[in-house]
Amino acid sequence: MRRNCLLSHILRCTEYIRAIRSGGGPRNFSVPFYHHQSQEPKEEFLPSEWYRSAFPKLVKLSNKLRNVDLIDGRLVNFDDDSTVIDDSLKHKIQKFRSVARVFIGSPTMQKALKEKVVPKSCFRSSSERKPITLNTLTKVSSILNLLPHQRRLVRTVICEQVTEHRIWTGTLEEILKELKTEMELMNDHRPPTKASHIGLQIISNCLRFLDDTRIKFDPDSISWMRPMPTKNADFTPPQHWKDLLEMFNDFSKCLDNEKGFLYHASKLEGMKEGLHNIKDILVDRGIGYKEARHQESLVKKRLIKSLGHSSQCFFTLLQYYFYGNVRDIQVEVHGGLYRGGKKKFYLCMGKILTSVEEKVLWCGVKQLDRALGIFKLVWETVGTKEVLELQGHLWCIGAEEKTLSYRGNEFFLHEIRL
C-alpha cells in the first residue's frame, strides 16, 4: 500500500517537473541504456578438476548452514526467526556464497541459464556475479545508466517525499530502537560493559528527545483554534537538533571499540549528515502549533537542499518511507541491466540460498523484491518509454528448478550443480 502510494505520487510529481522544465506539457523521452558488461573480455573458466573437487565441500557447507542465512547484514535462525550473534557462522556463509558464485559461472550452469531464461547473457561475466550493497541512489542510478539530468530529476522528486517530518523522525526512531535491541542482544551473550550501559542511556535520551518533537494537539481541531501550550513552572531552555547530534557523537565515542559489532551504529553515523545541516533549528513544543509547523518545514527545506544523490542518509530515509525499515539491501549476485529489444530492458539480480526450505526460499524472494522495487521506483520516476522487466534469480544446492511469481515479478530458482 505504502509502495503504491509513493509510486503514484512520484509519477504525478515527475510529470509536473518535466512540464515546467520543458516549457510545455509532459513528455516522454528515451534513455540511452546499454549493457556494458557485454563488452567485457570472454570469461575464462576454471579447470573441470577444480569444480569436481570443490563441489563436495560446497555441499557439506550447505548442510551446516541449512537453517541460517545472512539477510541484509542480519544473521537469522529460521527455526525460531531469531537473530544470531556468531562471527564464525557469518564467515562460513560468506565463504559458501563466494564459492557458489564461481559455480554460477561454470560452463554447465551458464549453458543451463542460456537455455532456460531470457536474457541469455545474464550473469555471464564475473563482475555480474559480485555482491553489491544498495545504500545510495548513486549505485542504483549507475546500474540503470542514468544521465546527469535524469539523476537530478530522481533526486528532486523522491527527496520531496522522504524528507517529510514524520519520515525524518520515524527513521531516526527506527534506527535507535534497532540499535537498542542489538545492544541488549549483545549484552545477553557477554557480560555488559560500562560503555554499553552508558550507550543504552544515551539511546534512551535520544528517543525521549524525538518523542518531544511530536506535535501533541487534537488533529480534529482547526489549526488557528489550537492554543499556545501552557508553560510549566520548571521551564527548561528550548532544544535544537544540535542537541541530538551531540548525543549521537557521544554514543560514537563511547562505543568506538564496539561499533563494528553493531550494524545500526553505522546507520546512526550516516544520519549525522542530515542532523548537521539542521542543527540550529529549534525543537520546542512550547512555541505553539503554527511556529512548531514552521520549524518542521525548515527541517524539510534544509534536508532537500543538502542531501545529495550519494547520501546514505537520503537512501535510509527512502528505505524507511518505502519499506518501513532502515537496513541497506544486500544483493549477493549483482546482475545488471540487459537490452531485450528496441523498447524493453531486463533488470536481473540474484541471491544464493543456503537451503530450499520454504521459509528460506520466500525470505530470499522478498529480499530480492525489495532490491528490485527500488530500481522500479527510480525507473518510473525518470519516465522513460522503455519497459523494464524485473527478474530475481535464486541458486541453491539440490533445488528443483522452477519459476515463482511475487508482486508481479518473476523469480527463477536454479540448482547449483556440477
Protein backbone atom coordinates (compact mmCIF):
# COMPACT_ATOMS: atom_id res chain seq x y z
CA MET A 1 0.00 0.00 0.00
CA ARG A 2 2.74 2.42 1.03
CA ARG A 3 4.78 1.45 -2.04
CA ASN A 4 1.86 2.06 -4.45
CA CYS A 5 1.05 5.45 -2.91
CA LEU A 6 4.66 6.58 -3.25
CA LEU A 7 4.86 5.43 -6.88
CA SER A 8 1.65 7.19 -7.91
CA HIS A 9 2.63 10.41 -6.15
CA ILE A 10 6.10 10.36 -7.66
CA LEU A 11 4.72 9.84 -11.16
CA ARG A 12 2.49 12.91 -10.77
CA CYS A 13 5.41 14.99 -9.45
CA THR A 14 7.66 13.81 -12.27
CA GLU A 15 5.20 14.89 -14.95
CA TYR A 16 4.81 18.28 -13.28
CA ILE A 17 8.56 18.93 -13.04
CA ARG A 18 9.11 17.79 -16.62
CA ALA A 19 6.39 20.13 -17.86
CA ILE A 20 7.96 23.11 -16.08
CA ARG A 21 11.46 22.40 -17.37
CA SER A 22 10.36 21.82 -20.96
CA GLY A 23 8.11 24.85 -21.08
CA GLY A 24 5.25 22.72 -22.36
CA GLY A 25 3.21 19.70 -21.46
CA PRO A 26 4.53 16.43 -20.02
CA ARG A 27 6.60 14.39 -22.43
CA ASN A 28 8.32 11.04 -22.54
CA PHE A 29 11.88 10.56 -23.65
CA SER A 30 14.16 7.65 -24.32
CA VAL A 31 17.15 6.82 -22.19
CA PRO A 32 20.40 5.66 -23.83
CA PHE A 33 20.64 2.49 -21.77
CA TYR A 34 23.20 -0.11 -22.67
CA HIS A 35 24.58 -3.28 -21.18
CA HIS A 36 28.25 -2.51 -20.69
CA GLN A 37 29.10 -5.98 -19.33
CA SER A 38 28.65 -7.46 -22.80
CA GLN A 39 31.74 -5.56 -23.90
CA GLU A 40 33.98 -7.32 -21.39
CA PRO A 41 36.57 -9.95 -22.42
CA LYS A 42 35.42 -13.53 -22.79
CA GLU A 43 35.17 -15.33 -19.47
CA GLU A 44 37.91 -17.83 -18.62
CA PHE A 45 36.63 -20.92 -16.82
CA LEU A 46 38.47 -22.83 -14.13
CA PRO A 47 39.68 -26.38 -14.88
CA SER A 48 36.95 -29.02 -14.58
CA GLU A 49 39.00 -30.72 -11.84
CA TRP A 50 38.53 -27.66 -9.64
CA TYR A 51 34.72 -27.89 -9.84
CA ARG A 52 34.76 -31.64 -9.10
CA SER A 53 37.00 -31.09 -6.09
CA ALA A 54 35.09 -28.08 -4.71
CA PHE A 55 31.53 -29.36 -5.13
CA PRO A 56 31.53 -31.93 -2.25
CA LYS A 57 32.91 -29.23 0.07
CA LEU A 58 30.17 -26.84 -1.04
CA VAL A 59 27.50 -29.48 -0.35
CA LYS A 60 28.96 -30.14 3.10
CA LEU A 61 28.99 -26.43 3.91
CA SER A 62 25.40 -26.09 2.69
CA ASN A 63 24.26 -28.83 5.08
CA LYS A 64 25.86 -27.00 8.01
CA LEU A 65 24.05 -23.78 7.09
CA ARG A 66 20.60 -25.22 6.36
CA ASN A 67 18.68 -23.24 8.96
CA VAL A 68 20.55 -19.93 8.90
CA ASP A 69 21.13 -17.10 6.46
CA LEU A 70 22.56 -13.61 6.38
CA ILE A 71 19.74 -11.22 5.43
CA ASP A 72 20.83 -7.62 4.80
CA GLY A 73 23.51 -7.88 7.49
CA ARG A 74 21.34 -9.79 10.00
CA LEU A 75 22.18 -13.41 10.80
CA VAL A 76 18.84 -15.22 11.07
CA ASN A 77 17.97 -18.63 12.52
CA PHE A 78 14.91 -19.79 10.58
CA ASP A 79 13.92 -22.35 13.21
CA ASP A 80 12.65 -19.59 15.51
CA ASP A 81 13.21 -16.40 13.44
CA SER A 82 15.78 -15.24 15.98
CA THR A 83 18.84 -13.06 15.42
CA VAL A 84 22.12 -14.89 15.94
CA ILE A 85 25.43 -13.38 17.03
CA ASP A 86 28.15 -15.65 15.66
CA ASP A 87 31.04 -14.24 13.61
CA SER A 88 32.32 -17.69 12.62
CA LEU A 89 28.90 -18.57 11.20
CA LYS A 90 28.87 -15.32 9.21
CA HIS A 91 32.28 -16.19 7.81
CA LYS A 92 31.05 -19.65 6.73
CA ILE A 93 28.06 -18.13 4.92
CA GLN A 94 30.30 -15.64 3.13
CA LYS A 95 32.67 -18.45 2.14
CA PHE A 96 29.74 -20.55 0.88
CA ARG A 97 28.46 -17.66 -1.25
CA SER A 98 31.90 -16.93 -2.63
CA VAL A 99 32.37 -20.50 -3.88
CA ALA A 100 28.77 -20.66 -5.13
CA ARG A 101 29.38 -17.58 -7.31
CA VAL A 102 32.22 -19.42 -9.03
CA PHE A 103 29.87 -22.33 -9.78
CA ILE A 104 27.26 -19.96 -11.24
CA GLY A 105 29.93 -19.00 -13.76
CA SER A 106 30.79 -22.61 -14.64
CA PRO A 107 30.21 -23.85 -18.23
CA THR A 108 27.45 -26.24 -17.10
CA MET A 109 25.42 -23.63 -15.26
CA GLN A 110 25.99 -20.93 -17.86
CA LYS A 111 24.66 -23.30 -20.51
CA ALA A 112 21.57 -24.01 -18.38
CA LEU A 113 20.93 -20.28 -17.95
CA LYS A 114 21.09 -19.66 -21.70
CA GLU A 115 18.61 -22.47 -22.36
CA LYS A 116 16.03 -21.50 -19.74
CA VAL A 117 15.96 -17.73 -19.24
CA VAL A 118 15.78 -14.50 -21.19
CA PRO A 119 18.06 -12.56 -21.44
CA LYS A 120 20.56 -15.26 -22.35
CA SER A 121 23.59 -13.13 -21.45
CA CYS A 122 22.70 -12.56 -17.78
CA PHE A 123 25.34 -13.32 -15.12
CA ARG A 124 27.87 -14.16 -17.81
CA SER A 125 30.85 -12.14 -16.57
CA SER A 126 32.49 -12.29 -13.13
CA SER A 127 31.58 -8.64 -12.46
CA GLU A 128 27.89 -9.58 -12.77
CA ARG A 129 28.30 -12.25 -10.10
CA LYS A 130 29.86 -9.98 -7.48
CA PRO A 131 27.85 -8.83 -4.44
CA ILE A 132 26.63 -5.26 -4.07
CA THR A 133 25.15 -3.32 -1.15
CA LEU A 134 22.47 -0.83 -2.16
CA ASN A 135 22.92 2.13 0.17
CA THR A 136 22.87 5.18 -2.14
CA LEU A 137 20.85 6.32 -5.13
CA THR A 138 24.15 6.77 -6.96
CA LYS A 139 24.60 2.98 -7.10
CA VAL A 140 21.05 2.46 -8.32
CA SER A 141 21.36 5.15 -10.99
CA SER A 142 24.72 3.79 -12.15
CA ILE A 143 23.27 0.31 -12.73
CA LEU A 144 20.42 1.90 -14.71
CA ASN A 145 22.95 4.08 -16.59
CA LEU A 146 21.03 7.29 -15.90
CA LEU A 147 22.26 10.55 -17.38
CA PRO A 148 23.07 13.53 -15.09
CA HIS A 149 19.78 15.37 -15.75
CA GLN A 150 17.83 12.17 -15.05
CA ARG A 151 19.65 11.71 -11.75
CA ARG A 152 18.76 15.27 -10.77
CA LEU A 153 15.11 14.60 -11.58
CA VAL A 154 15.11 11.43 -9.46
CA ARG A 155 16.67 13.23 -6.52
CA THR A 156 14.28 16.19 -6.72
CA VAL A 157 11.11 14.11 -6.88
CA ILE A 158 12.00 11.49 -4.28
CA CYS A 159 13.63 13.87 -1.82
CA GLU A 160 10.43 15.92 -1.69
CA GLN A 161 8.62 12.89 -0.25
CA VAL A 162 11.17 11.27 2.05
CA THR A 163 12.05 14.48 3.94
CA GLU A 164 8.60 14.89 5.48
CA HIS A 165 9.00 15.48 9.22
CA ARG A 166 7.26 12.25 10.24
CA ILE A 167 9.57 10.27 7.93
CA TRP A 168 12.65 12.06 9.25
CA THR A 169 11.80 11.45 12.92
CA GLY A 170 10.41 7.97 12.21
CA THR A 171 13.66 6.93 10.53
CA LEU A 172 15.76 8.18 13.43
CA GLU A 173 13.49 6.43 15.91
CA GLU A 174 13.63 3.14 13.99
CA ILE A 175 17.45 3.21 13.92
CA LEU A 176 17.66 3.93 17.65
CA LYS A 177 15.18 1.18 18.56
CA GLU A 178 17.00 -1.37 16.40
CA LEU A 179 20.32 -0.28 17.88
CA LYS A 180 18.91 -0.69 21.39
CA THR A 181 17.74 -4.22 20.51
CA GLU A 182 21.18 -5.04 19.08
CA MET A 183 22.96 -3.86 22.23
CA GLU A 184 20.62 -5.76 24.54
CA LEU A 185 21.17 -8.91 22.48
CA MET A 186 24.92 -8.38 22.61
CA ASN A 187 24.76 -7.95 26.41
CA ASP A 188 22.88 -11.26 26.66
CA HIS A 189 25.84 -13.02 25.02
CA ARG A 190 28.57 -11.45 27.13
CA PRO A 191 28.98 -9.51 30.37
CA PRO A 192 27.70 -5.93 29.89
CA THR A 193 30.41 -3.27 29.88
CA LYS A 194 30.34 0.24 31.29
CA ALA A 195 30.41 1.59 27.73
CA SER A 196 27.35 -0.44 26.71
CA HIS A 197 25.49 0.71 29.82
CA ILE A 198 26.21 4.37 29.00
CA GLY A 199 25.36 3.73 25.35
CA LEU A 200 21.90 2.42 26.27
CA GLN A 201 21.33 5.50 28.43
CA ILE A 202 22.24 7.76 25.51
CA ILE A 203 19.82 5.88 23.23
CA SER A 204 17.02 6.34 25.79
CA ASN A 205 17.75 10.07 25.93
CA CYS A 206 17.70 10.25 22.13
CA LEU A 207 14.32 8.51 21.96
CA ARG A 208 12.96 10.90 24.61
CA PHE A 209 14.23 13.83 22.52
CA LEU A 210 12.40 12.53 19.43
CA ASP A 211 9.22 11.98 21.42
CA ASP A 212 9.35 15.65 22.40
CA THR A 213 9.44 16.67 18.72
CA ARG A 214 5.91 15.39 18.13
CA ILE A 215 3.15 17.99 17.96
CA LYS A 216 0.68 16.87 20.61
CA PHE A 217 -2.56 18.55 19.54
CA ASP A 218 -6.05 17.31 18.71
CA PRO A 219 -5.85 16.56 14.97
CA ASP A 220 -9.59 17.32 14.58
CA SER A 221 -9.34 20.90 15.76
CA ILE A 222 -8.66 23.79 13.37
CA SER A 223 -5.05 24.99 13.48
CA TRP A 224 -5.83 28.64 14.34
CA MET A 225 -8.00 27.48 17.26
CA ARG A 226 -5.21 25.47 18.86
CA PRO A 227 -3.95 27.36 21.90
CA MET A 228 -0.37 28.01 22.90
CA PRO A 229 0.78 25.26 25.29
CA THR A 230 0.86 26.23 28.93
CA LYS A 231 4.34 26.99 30.23
CA ASN A 232 5.50 24.76 33.06
CA ALA A 233 6.78 26.29 36.25
CA ASP A 234 10.03 24.35 35.88
CA PHE A 235 10.77 25.90 32.47
CA THR A 236 13.68 24.39 30.55
CA PRO A 237 15.52 26.11 27.70
CA PRO A 238 14.35 25.14 24.18
CA GLN A 239 16.25 22.38 22.43
CA HIS A 240 17.79 22.36 18.98
CA TRP A 241 18.61 19.49 16.64
CA LYS A 242 22.26 20.01 17.52
CA ASP A 243 21.44 18.50 20.93
CA LEU A 244 20.55 15.21 19.26
CA LEU A 245 23.67 15.44 17.08
CA GLU A 246 25.80 15.83 20.21
CA MET A 247 24.19 12.74 21.73
CA PHE A 248 24.96 10.81 18.54
CA ASN A 249 28.59 11.94 18.77
CA ASP A 250 28.75 10.93 22.44
CA PHE A 251 27.42 7.48 21.53
CA SER A 252 30.07 7.08 18.81
CA LYS A 253 32.87 7.99 21.23
CA CYS A 254 31.51 5.77 23.98
CA LEU A 255 31.07 2.69 21.75
CA ASP A 256 34.05 3.34 19.48
CA ASN A 257 35.54 -0.12 20.10
CA GLU A 258 32.24 -1.94 19.59
CA LYS A 259 30.72 -0.14 16.57
CA GLY A 260 31.97 -2.88 14.26
CA PHE A 261 29.67 -5.36 16.04
CA LEU A 262 26.60 -3.10 15.85
CA TYR A 263 25.02 -2.89 12.41
CA HIS A 264 22.81 0.10 13.21
CA ALA A 265 25.73 2.10 14.61
CA SER A 266 26.79 2.73 11.01
CA LYS A 267 23.25 3.88 10.19
CA LEU A 268 23.46 6.31 13.09
CA GLU A 269 26.70 7.68 11.63
CA GLY A 270 25.02 8.17 8.26
CA MET A 271 22.15 10.18 9.75
CA LYS A 272 24.61 12.70 11.19
CA GLU A 273 24.81 14.25 7.73
CA GLY A 274 21.18 15.34 7.95
CA LEU A 275 21.47 16.42 11.58
CA HIS A 276 24.50 18.56 10.83
CA ASN A 277 22.50 20.56 8.27
CA ILE A 278 19.57 21.26 10.62
CA LYS A 279 21.48 21.58 13.90
CA ASP A 280 20.49 25.21 14.52
CA ILE A 281 16.74 24.63 14.01
CA LEU A 282 14.60 24.81 17.11
CA VAL A 283 12.81 21.84 18.66
CA ASP A 284 10.32 23.26 21.13
CA ARG A 285 6.69 22.28 21.54
CA GLY A 286 6.14 25.23 23.87
CA ILE A 287 6.16 27.69 20.97
CA GLY A 288 2.68 26.94 19.66
CA TYR A 289 1.29 24.87 16.83
CA LYS A 290 1.96 27.24 13.91
CA GLU A 291 5.52 28.00 14.94
CA ALA A 292 6.20 24.30 15.51
CA ARG A 293 4.94 23.53 12.00
CA HIS A 294 7.18 26.31 10.66
CA GLN A 295 10.19 24.68 12.33
CA GLU A 296 9.23 21.36 10.74
CA SER A 297 9.07 22.98 7.30
CA LEU A 298 12.56 24.42 7.87
CA VAL A 299 13.85 20.91 8.58
CA LYS A 300 12.34 19.66 5.32
CA LYS A 301 13.77 22.55 3.27
CA ARG A 302 17.27 22.10 4.69
CA LEU A 303 17.25 18.35 4.09
CA ILE A 304 16.01 18.77 0.50
CA LYS A 305 18.76 21.29 -0.17
CA SER A 306 21.61 19.37 1.45
CA LEU A 307 21.04 15.64 0.84
CA GLY A 308 22.70 14.63 -2.41
CA HIS A 309 22.43 11.62 -4.70
CA SER A 310 25.30 9.84 -2.95
CA SER A 311 23.95 10.48 0.55
CA GLN A 312 23.46 7.40 2.71
CA CYS A 313 21.19 9.49 4.93
CA PHE A 314 18.94 10.16 1.92
CA PHE A 315 18.81 6.47 0.99
CA THR A 316 17.99 5.45 4.57
CA LEU A 317 15.04 7.87 4.56
CA LEU A 318 13.88 6.31 1.28
CA GLN A 319 14.19 2.81 2.75
CA TYR A 320 12.06 3.77 5.73
CA TYR A 321 9.45 5.54 3.59
CA PHE A 322 9.21 2.73 1.04
CA TYR A 323 9.61 -0.38 3.22
CA GLY A 324 9.36 0.73 6.85
CA ASN A 325 12.88 -0.47 7.71
CA VAL A 326 16.34 1.06 7.63
CA ARG A 327 18.62 -1.81 6.62
CA ASP A 328 20.70 -1.46 3.46
CA ILE A 329 19.76 -4.02 0.81
CA GLN A 330 22.49 -6.56 0.17
CA VAL A 331 22.37 -8.26 -3.23
CA GLU A 332 24.60 -11.33 -3.42
CA VAL A 333 24.71 -11.61 -7.22
CA HIS A 334 25.00 -8.18 -8.82
CA GLY A 335 23.49 -8.93 -12.24
CA GLY A 336 22.73 -5.87 -14.32
CA LEU A 337 20.63 -4.22 -16.99
CA TYR A 338 20.16 -6.11 -20.27
CA ARG A 339 18.56 -4.97 -23.51
CA GLY A 340 15.66 -7.13 -24.64
CA GLY A 341 14.64 -5.30 -27.79
CA LYS A 342 14.01 -1.79 -29.05
CA LYS A 343 11.84 -0.74 -26.13
CA LYS A 344 12.44 -3.39 -23.49
CA PHE A 345 15.07 -3.99 -20.84
CA TYR A 346 15.61 -6.65 -18.21
CA LEU A 347 17.00 -6.00 -14.76
CA CYS A 348 18.34 -9.25 -13.29
CA MET A 349 19.67 -9.73 -9.76
CA GLY A 350 20.34 -12.84 -7.73
CA LYS A 351 20.58 -14.48 -4.33
CA ILE A 352 22.36 -17.61 -3.12
CA LEU A 353 20.27 -19.71 -0.73
CA THR A 354 21.61 -21.97 2.00
CA SER A 355 18.65 -24.36 1.60
CA VAL A 356 15.35 -24.78 -0.27
CA GLU A 357 13.21 -24.77 2.87
CA GLU A 358 10.04 -22.73 2.26
CA LYS A 359 10.96 -20.09 4.85
CA VAL A 360 14.44 -19.63 3.43
CA LEU A 361 13.20 -19.55 -0.16
CA TRP A 362 10.49 -16.94 0.36
CA CYS A 363 12.70 -14.84 2.58
CA GLY A 364 15.17 -14.74 -0.31
CA VAL A 365 12.42 -13.83 -2.78
CA LYS A 366 11.26 -10.95 -0.57
CA GLN A 367 14.81 -9.70 -0.11
CA LEU A 368 15.32 -9.59 -3.88
CA ASP A 369 11.92 -7.97 -4.34
CA ARG A 370 12.96 -5.10 -2.05
CA ALA A 371 16.06 -4.52 -4.16
CA LEU A 372 14.16 -4.68 -7.46
CA GLY A 373 11.46 -2.37 -6.08
CA ILE A 374 13.97 0.46 -5.60
CA PHE A 375 15.05 0.15 -9.25
CA LYS A 376 11.43 0.18 -10.40
CA LEU A 377 10.82 3.35 -8.39
CA VAL A 378 13.79 5.13 -9.97
CA TRP A 379 12.91 3.89 -13.48
CA GLU A 380 9.32 5.11 -13.24
CA THR A 381 10.45 8.42 -11.77
CA VAL A 382 12.61 9.03 -14.86
CA GLY A 383 9.55 8.34 -17.03
CA THR A 384 11.28 6.57 -19.90
CA LYS A 385 9.21 5.00 -22.68
CA GLU A 386 11.12 1.71 -22.44
CA VAL A 387 9.61 -1.18 -20.49
CA LEU A 388 11.64 -2.60 -17.60
CA GLU A 389 11.07 -6.25 -16.66
CA LEU A 390 12.36 -7.17 -13.20
CA GLN A 391 13.78 -10.65 -12.62
CA GLY A 392 15.08 -12.32 -9.48
CA HIS A 393 17.31 -15.39 -9.67
CA LEU A 394 17.96 -17.74 -6.75
CA TRP A 395 20.52 -20.54 -6.59
CA CYS A 396 20.64 -23.46 -4.18
CA ILE A 397 22.15 -26.94 -3.97
CA GLY A 398 19.52 -29.63 -4.51
CA ALA A 399 16.88 -27.19 -5.75
CA GLU A 400 14.09 -28.23 -8.09
CA GLU A 401 14.23 -25.68 -10.87
CA LYS A 402 11.04 -23.64 -11.17
CA THR A 403 9.63 -20.16 -11.64
CA LEU A 404 7.87 -18.25 -8.86
CA SER A 405 5.73 -15.11 -9.07
CA TYR A 406 5.71 -12.43 -6.39
CA ARG A 407 4.24 -8.91 -6.62
CA GLY A 408 4.01 -9.22 -10.39
CA ASN A 409 7.68 -10.17 -10.89
CA GLU A 410 9.24 -13.49 -11.86
CA PHE A 411 11.80 -15.28 -9.70
CA PHE A 412 13.76 -18.21 -11.12
CA LEU A 413 15.05 -20.96 -8.83
CA HIS A 414 18.20 -22.67 -10.16
CA GLU A 415 20.11 -25.71 -8.94
CA ILE A 416 23.82 -25.38 -8.15
CA ARG A 417 25.40 -28.45 -9.71
CA LEU A 418 28.47 -29.80 -11.44
